[in-house]
Amino acid sequence: MRILLVEDDYIIAFDLAEQLKDAGFQIVGPALSNRDAIALLSAQPCDAAILDVNLGSETSEPVAQVLVDRQIPFLTVSGYSSEQHPAVFRAAKLLMKPIRLSRLIEELRLLGPAPVVERP
């Protein structure tokens, strides 16, 4: 599963990317800004995304809108309640920071494509 990772904290972004790679995911990014994330989405496909809602002085709302338009599922992570987020985030699962890696992996697997079952 290819996961776009959008997180503005460099250390958290790269640490999380490595942990997710170790769990078997392919990471697109990480992107530290909306501009980086949208450029990655233009260049590489992804199956799902993890969006930090607050990216310094902006939110990841533009990236969320691209994902919604392309029907790509995503999770959001934030230290703020969902009522404080723009509407585009409300349909996505919210994981409160600090996040547990096991919970994140579990939620990502729920977003992933269903296994293909071959019929005789």
N, C-alpha and C. Protein backbone atom coordinates (compact mmCIF):
# COMPACT_ATOMS: atom_id res chain seq x y z
N MET A 1 0.84 -1.18 0.00
CA MET A 1 0.00 0.00 0.00
C MET A 1 0.89 1.24 0.00
N ARG A 2 0.64 2.15 -0.92
CA ARG A 2 1.41 3.40 -1.01
C ARG A 2 0.69 4.48 -0.22
N ILE A 3 1.41 5.06 0.74
CA ILE A 3 0.83 6.04 1.65
C ILE A 3 1.53 7.39 1.48
N LEU A 4 0.74 8.42 1.17
CA LEU A 4 1.26 9.79 1.18
C LEU A 4 1.29 10.24 2.63
N LEU A 5 2.43 10.70 3.08
CA LEU A 5 2.59 11.19 4.46
C LEU A 5 2.84 12.68 4.42
N VAL A 6 1.96 13.45 5.08
CA VAL A 6 2.07 14.90 5.14
C VAL A 6 2.18 15.29 6.61
N GLU A 7 3.35 15.77 6.99
CA GLU A 7 3.64 16.15 8.39
C GLU A 7 4.70 17.23 8.35
N ASP A 8 4.45 18.36 9.01
CA ASP A 8 5.37 19.49 8.93
C ASP A 8 6.57 19.40 9.86
N ASP A 9 6.53 18.54 10.85
CA ASP A 9 7.67 18.38 11.75
C ASP A 9 8.63 17.37 11.12
N TYR A 10 9.81 17.85 10.73
CA TYR A 10 10.78 17.04 9.99
C TYR A 10 11.12 15.74 10.73
N ILE A 11 11.40 15.83 12.01
CA ILE A 11 11.82 14.65 12.78
C ILE A 11 10.68 13.64 12.86
N ILE A 12 9.49 14.11 13.18
CA ILE A 12 8.33 13.21 13.26
C ILE A 12 8.06 12.59 11.90
N ALA A 13 8.10 13.40 10.85
CA ALA A 13 7.80 12.91 9.50
C ALA A 13 8.73 11.78 9.09
N PHE A 14 10.01 11.97 9.24
CA PHE A 14 10.96 10.97 8.77
C PHE A 14 11.01 9.75 9.69
N ASP A 15 10.81 9.95 10.99
CA ASP A 15 10.73 8.82 11.91
C ASP A 15 9.50 7.97 11.60
N LEU A 16 8.36 8.62 11.42
CA LEU A 16 7.13 7.90 11.11
C LEU A 16 7.24 7.18 9.77
N ALA A 17 7.84 7.83 8.79
CA ALA A 17 8.03 7.20 7.48
C ALA A 17 8.84 5.91 7.61
N GLU A 18 9.89 5.94 8.39
CA GLU A 18 10.72 4.74 8.57
C GLU A 18 9.94 3.64 9.28
N GLN A 19 9.17 4.00 10.30
CA GLN A 19 8.38 3.00 11.03
C GLN A 19 7.31 2.38 10.13
N LEU A 20 6.69 3.19 9.29
CA LEU A 20 5.68 2.66 8.38
C LEU A 20 6.31 1.78 7.30
N LYS A 21 7.51 2.14 6.84
CA LYS A 21 8.22 1.28 5.89
C LYS A 21 8.52 -0.08 6.52
N ASP A 22 8.96 -0.04 7.79
CA ASP A 22 9.24 -1.28 8.50
C ASP A 22 7.99 -2.15 8.65
N ALA A 23 6.82 -1.50 8.66
CA ALA A 23 5.54 -2.23 8.79
C ALA A 23 5.03 -2.70 7.43
N GLY A 24 5.78 -2.42 6.35
CA GLY A 24 5.42 -2.94 5.04
C GLY A 24 4.74 -1.97 4.10
N PHE A 25 4.62 -0.72 4.48
CA PHE A 25 4.00 0.27 3.60
C PHE A 25 5.06 0.93 2.73
N GLN A 26 4.66 1.37 1.53
CA GLN A 26 5.52 2.21 0.70
C GLN A 26 5.11 3.65 1.00
N ILE A 27 6.09 4.50 1.25
CA ILE A 27 5.81 5.88 1.64
C ILE A 27 6.07 6.82 0.47
N VAL A 28 5.07 7.63 0.18
CA VAL A 28 5.19 8.72 -0.79
C VAL A 28 5.46 9.95 0.05
N GLY A 29 6.67 10.48 -0.07
CA GLY A 29 7.05 11.60 0.78
C GLY A 29 8.10 11.16 1.78
N PRO A 30 8.07 11.75 2.94
CA PRO A 30 7.05 12.63 3.48
C PRO A 30 7.09 14.04 2.89
N ALA A 31 5.92 14.66 2.88
CA ALA A 31 5.78 16.05 2.45
C ALA A 31 5.66 16.91 3.69
N LEU A 32 6.39 18.01 3.69
CA LEU A 32 6.40 18.91 4.85
C LEU A 32 5.47 20.10 4.67
N SER A 33 4.87 20.24 3.48
CA SER A 33 3.99 21.38 3.20
C SER A 33 2.94 20.97 2.17
N ASN A 34 1.93 21.81 2.02
CA ASN A 34 0.91 21.58 0.99
C ASN A 34 1.55 21.51 -0.40
N ARG A 35 2.42 22.46 -0.68
CA ARG A 35 3.06 22.51 -1.99
C ARG A 35 3.80 21.21 -2.30
N ASP A 36 4.56 20.72 -1.33
CA ASP A 36 5.29 19.45 -1.51
C ASP A 36 4.32 18.29 -1.73
N ALA A 37 3.25 18.26 -0.93
CA ALA A 37 2.30 17.15 -1.02
C ALA A 37 1.59 17.13 -2.37
N ILE A 38 1.15 18.29 -2.83
CA ILE A 38 0.45 18.36 -4.11
C ILE A 38 1.39 17.99 -5.26
N ALA A 39 2.65 18.40 -5.16
CA ALA A 39 3.63 18.01 -6.18
C ALA A 39 3.83 16.49 -6.17
N LEU A 40 3.91 15.89 -5.01
CA LEU A 40 4.06 14.44 -4.93
C LEU A 40 2.85 13.74 -5.52
N LEU A 41 1.65 14.24 -5.22
CA LEU A 41 0.43 13.64 -5.76
C LEU A 41 0.38 13.73 -7.28
N SER A 42 0.98 14.76 -7.83
CA SER A 42 1.03 14.92 -9.29
C SER A 42 2.01 13.95 -9.92
N ALA A 43 3.04 13.58 -9.17
CA ALA A 43 4.11 12.75 -9.72
C ALA A 43 3.99 11.26 -9.40
N GLN A 44 3.35 10.94 -8.28
CA GLN A 44 3.31 9.55 -7.83
C GLN A 44 1.91 9.18 -7.35
N PRO A 45 1.46 7.99 -7.69
CA PRO A 45 0.15 7.57 -7.17
C PRO A 45 0.26 7.17 -5.70
N CYS A 46 -0.87 7.24 -5.00
CA CYS A 46 -0.92 6.70 -3.65
C CYS A 46 -2.28 6.05 -3.45
N ASP A 47 -2.33 5.12 -2.51
CA ASP A 47 -3.56 4.40 -2.20
C ASP A 47 -4.33 5.04 -1.05
N ALA A 48 -3.60 5.75 -0.19
CA ALA A 48 -4.19 6.41 0.98
C ALA A 48 -3.19 7.46 1.47
N ALA A 49 -3.64 8.25 2.43
CA ALA A 49 -2.76 9.30 2.94
C ALA A 49 -2.96 9.50 4.44
N ILE A 50 -1.92 10.04 5.05
CA ILE A 50 -1.96 10.50 6.43
C ILE A 50 -1.69 11.99 6.39
N LEU A 51 -2.63 12.78 6.89
CA LEU A 51 -2.47 14.23 6.87
C LEU A 51 -2.42 14.79 8.28
N ASP A 52 -1.33 15.47 8.60
CA ASP A 52 -1.31 16.31 9.79
C ASP A 52 -2.18 17.52 9.41
N VAL A 53 -3.20 17.80 10.20
CA VAL A 53 -4.13 18.87 9.83
C VAL A 53 -3.43 20.22 9.84
N ASN A 54 -2.66 20.50 10.87
CA ASN A 54 -1.99 21.80 11.00
C ASN A 54 -0.55 21.70 10.54
N LEU A 55 -0.23 22.48 9.52
CA LEU A 55 1.12 22.52 8.96
C LEU A 55 1.70 23.90 9.21
N GLY A 56 2.11 24.16 10.42
CA GLY A 56 2.66 25.47 10.74
C GLY A 56 1.60 26.54 10.63
N SER A 57 1.75 27.44 9.68
CA SER A 57 0.83 28.57 9.53
C SER A 57 -0.35 28.27 8.61
N GLU A 58 -0.47 27.03 8.13
CA GLU A 58 -1.57 26.65 7.25
C GLU A 58 -2.12 25.30 7.67
N THR A 59 -3.25 24.92 7.09
CA THR A 59 -3.76 23.56 7.29
C THR A 59 -3.52 22.78 6.00
N SER A 60 -3.66 21.48 6.09
CA SER A 60 -3.49 20.64 4.91
C SER A 60 -4.79 20.50 4.13
N GLU A 61 -5.68 21.46 4.29
CA GLU A 61 -6.97 21.46 3.59
C GLU A 61 -6.83 21.33 2.07
N PRO A 62 -5.90 22.05 1.40
CA PRO A 62 -5.77 21.87 -0.05
C PRO A 62 -5.43 20.44 -0.46
N VAL A 63 -4.60 19.77 0.32
CA VAL A 63 -4.24 18.39 0.02
C VAL A 63 -5.46 17.49 0.25
N ALA A 64 -6.17 17.72 1.34
CA ALA A 64 -7.37 16.93 1.62
C ALA A 64 -8.37 17.06 0.48
N GLN A 65 -8.53 18.25 -0.06
CA GLN A 65 -9.48 18.46 -1.15
C GLN A 65 -9.07 17.69 -2.40
N VAL A 66 -7.77 17.67 -2.71
CA VAL A 66 -7.28 16.90 -3.86
C VAL A 66 -7.58 15.41 -3.63
N LEU A 67 -7.33 14.94 -2.41
CA LEU A 67 -7.60 13.53 -2.11
C LEU A 67 -9.08 13.20 -2.24
N VAL A 68 -9.94 14.08 -1.73
CA VAL A 68 -11.38 13.88 -1.85
C VAL A 68 -11.78 13.85 -3.33
N ASP A 69 -11.27 14.80 -4.10
CA ASP A 69 -11.60 14.86 -5.53
C ASP A 69 -11.16 13.59 -6.26
N ARG A 70 -10.05 13.00 -5.84
CA ARG A 70 -9.54 11.80 -6.49
C ARG A 70 -10.06 10.52 -5.83
N GLN A 71 -10.88 10.67 -4.83
CA GLN A 71 -11.45 9.54 -4.08
C GLN A 71 -10.37 8.66 -3.46
N ILE A 72 -9.35 9.31 -2.90
CA ILE A 72 -8.29 8.61 -2.19
C ILE A 72 -8.57 8.76 -0.70
N PRO A 73 -8.70 7.66 0.03
CA PRO A 73 -9.00 7.75 1.46
C PRO A 73 -7.81 8.30 2.24
N PHE A 74 -8.11 8.97 3.35
CA PHE A 74 -7.03 9.49 4.18
C PHE A 74 -7.43 9.51 5.65
N LEU A 75 -6.40 9.51 6.48
CA LEU A 75 -6.54 9.68 7.92
C LEU A 75 -6.00 11.05 8.27
N THR A 76 -6.53 11.64 9.32
CA THR A 76 -5.97 12.89 9.80
C THR A 76 -5.38 12.67 11.18
N VAL A 77 -4.33 13.42 11.47
CA VAL A 77 -3.73 13.41 12.80
C VAL A 77 -3.66 14.86 13.27
N SER A 78 -3.96 15.05 14.55
CA SER A 78 -3.99 16.41 15.06
C SER A 78 -4.02 16.38 16.58
N GLY A 79 -3.64 17.49 17.16
CA GLY A 79 -3.78 17.69 18.59
C GLY A 79 -5.06 18.43 18.92
N TYR A 80 -5.83 18.79 17.90
CA TYR A 80 -7.07 19.55 18.07
C TYR A 80 -8.26 18.66 17.76
N SER A 81 -9.41 18.97 18.36
CA SER A 81 -10.62 18.19 18.11
C SER A 81 -11.13 18.43 16.70
N SER A 82 -11.93 17.50 16.20
CA SER A 82 -12.43 17.59 14.83
C SER A 82 -13.32 18.81 14.62
N GLU A 83 -13.95 19.31 15.67
CA GLU A 83 -14.80 20.50 15.54
C GLU A 83 -13.99 21.75 15.17
N GLN A 84 -12.69 21.71 15.41
CA GLN A 84 -11.81 22.84 15.11
C GLN A 84 -11.22 22.75 13.70
N HIS A 85 -11.54 21.70 12.96
CA HIS A 85 -10.95 21.50 11.63
C HIS A 85 -11.90 21.96 10.53
N PRO A 86 -11.35 22.35 9.38
CA PRO A 86 -12.20 22.65 8.21
C PRO A 86 -13.07 21.44 7.85
N ALA A 87 -14.19 21.68 7.22
CA ALA A 87 -15.17 20.64 6.91
C ALA A 87 -14.62 19.48 6.08
N VAL A 88 -13.68 19.73 5.19
CA VAL A 88 -13.16 18.68 4.32
C VAL A 88 -12.53 17.53 5.12
N PHE A 89 -12.11 17.79 6.35
CA PHE A 89 -11.48 16.76 7.17
C PHE A 89 -12.49 15.90 7.93
N ARG A 90 -13.70 16.35 8.06
CA ARG A 90 -14.64 15.71 8.99
C ARG A 90 -15.06 14.31 8.59
N ALA A 91 -14.98 13.96 7.32
CA ALA A 91 -15.35 12.61 6.90
C ALA A 91 -14.22 11.61 7.13
N ALA A 92 -13.01 12.11 7.38
CA ALA A 92 -11.85 11.23 7.59
C ALA A 92 -11.72 10.87 9.06
N LYS A 93 -11.14 9.73 9.31
CA LYS A 93 -10.85 9.28 10.67
C LYS A 93 -9.80 10.20 11.27
N LEU A 94 -10.02 10.64 12.51
CA LEU A 94 -9.08 11.50 13.22
C LEU A 94 -8.37 10.70 14.30
N LEU A 95 -7.05 10.73 14.26
CA LEU A 95 -6.24 10.15 15.33
C LEU A 95 -5.59 11.31 16.07
N MET A 96 -5.79 11.33 17.37
CA MET A 96 -5.26 12.42 18.19
C MET A 96 -3.77 12.19 18.45
N LYS A 97 -3.01 13.28 18.38
CA LYS A 97 -1.59 13.23 18.72
C LYS A 97 -1.44 13.22 20.23
N PRO A 98 -0.46 12.55 20.75
CA PRO A 98 0.49 11.67 20.06
C PRO A 98 -0.20 10.37 19.65
N ILE A 99 0.16 9.89 18.48
CA ILE A 99 -0.49 8.69 17.96
C ILE A 99 0.33 7.45 18.28
N ARG A 100 -0.36 6.36 18.50
CA ARG A 100 0.30 5.07 18.70
C ARG A 100 0.49 4.44 17.33
N LEU A 101 1.68 3.98 17.05
CA LEU A 101 1.99 3.40 15.75
C LEU A 101 1.08 2.21 15.46
N SER A 102 0.83 1.36 16.43
CA SER A 102 -0.02 0.19 16.19
C SER A 102 -1.43 0.60 15.77
N ARG A 103 -1.96 1.64 16.36
CA ARG A 103 -3.30 2.12 15.99
C ARG A 103 -3.28 2.72 14.58
N LEU A 104 -2.25 3.47 14.26
CA LEU A 104 -2.13 4.06 12.94
C LEU A 104 -2.07 2.96 11.87
N ILE A 105 -1.27 1.96 12.10
CA ILE A 105 -1.14 0.85 11.15
C ILE A 105 -2.48 0.14 10.98
N GLU A 106 -3.17 -0.10 12.07
CA GLU A 106 -4.48 -0.75 12.02
C GLU A 106 -5.46 0.06 11.17
N GLU A 107 -5.49 1.38 11.39
CA GLU A 107 -6.41 2.24 10.64
C GLU A 107 -6.02 2.31 9.16
N LEU A 108 -4.74 2.34 8.87
CA LEU A 108 -4.30 2.35 7.47
C LEU A 108 -4.72 1.08 6.76
N ARG A 109 -4.60 -0.03 7.42
CA ARG A 109 -4.98 -1.30 6.79
C ARG A 109 -6.48 -1.35 6.52
N LEU A 110 -7.27 -0.69 7.35
CA LEU A 110 -8.72 -0.60 7.10
C LEU A 110 -9.03 0.22 5.86
N LEU A 111 -8.16 1.18 5.54
CA LEU A 111 -8.35 2.01 4.35
C LEU A 111 -7.94 1.32 3.07
N GLY A 112 -7.09 0.31 3.20
CA GLY A 112 -6.48 -0.32 2.04
C GLY A 112 -7.45 -1.10 1.19
N PRO A 113 -7.00 -1.44 0.00
CA PRO A 113 -7.85 -2.21 -0.90
C PRO A 113 -8.13 -3.59 -0.33
N ALA A 114 -9.31 -4.07 -0.59
CA ALA A 114 -9.68 -5.41 -0.14
C ALA A 114 -8.84 -6.43 -0.89
N PRO A 115 -8.48 -7.53 -0.23
CA PRO A 115 -7.70 -8.55 -0.93
C PRO A 115 -8.49 -9.14 -2.09
N VAL A 116 -7.77 -9.50 -3.13
CA VAL A 116 -8.39 -10.11 -4.30
C VAL A 116 -8.57 -11.58 -4.02
N VAL A 117 -9.79 -12.07 -4.20
CA VAL A 117 -10.08 -13.48 -3.99
C VAL A 117 -10.33 -14.10 -5.36
N GLU A 118 -9.52 -15.07 -5.70
CA GLU A 118 -9.69 -15.74 -6.99
C GLU A 118 -10.76 -16.80 -6.86
N ARG A 119 -11.64 -16.84 -7.84
CA ARG A 119 -12.72 -17.83 -7.85
C ARG A 119 -12.41 -18.89 -8.89
N PRO A 120 -12.76 -20.15 -8.57
CA PRO A 120 -12.50 -21.23 -9.54
C PRO A 120 -13.35 -21.11 -10.77
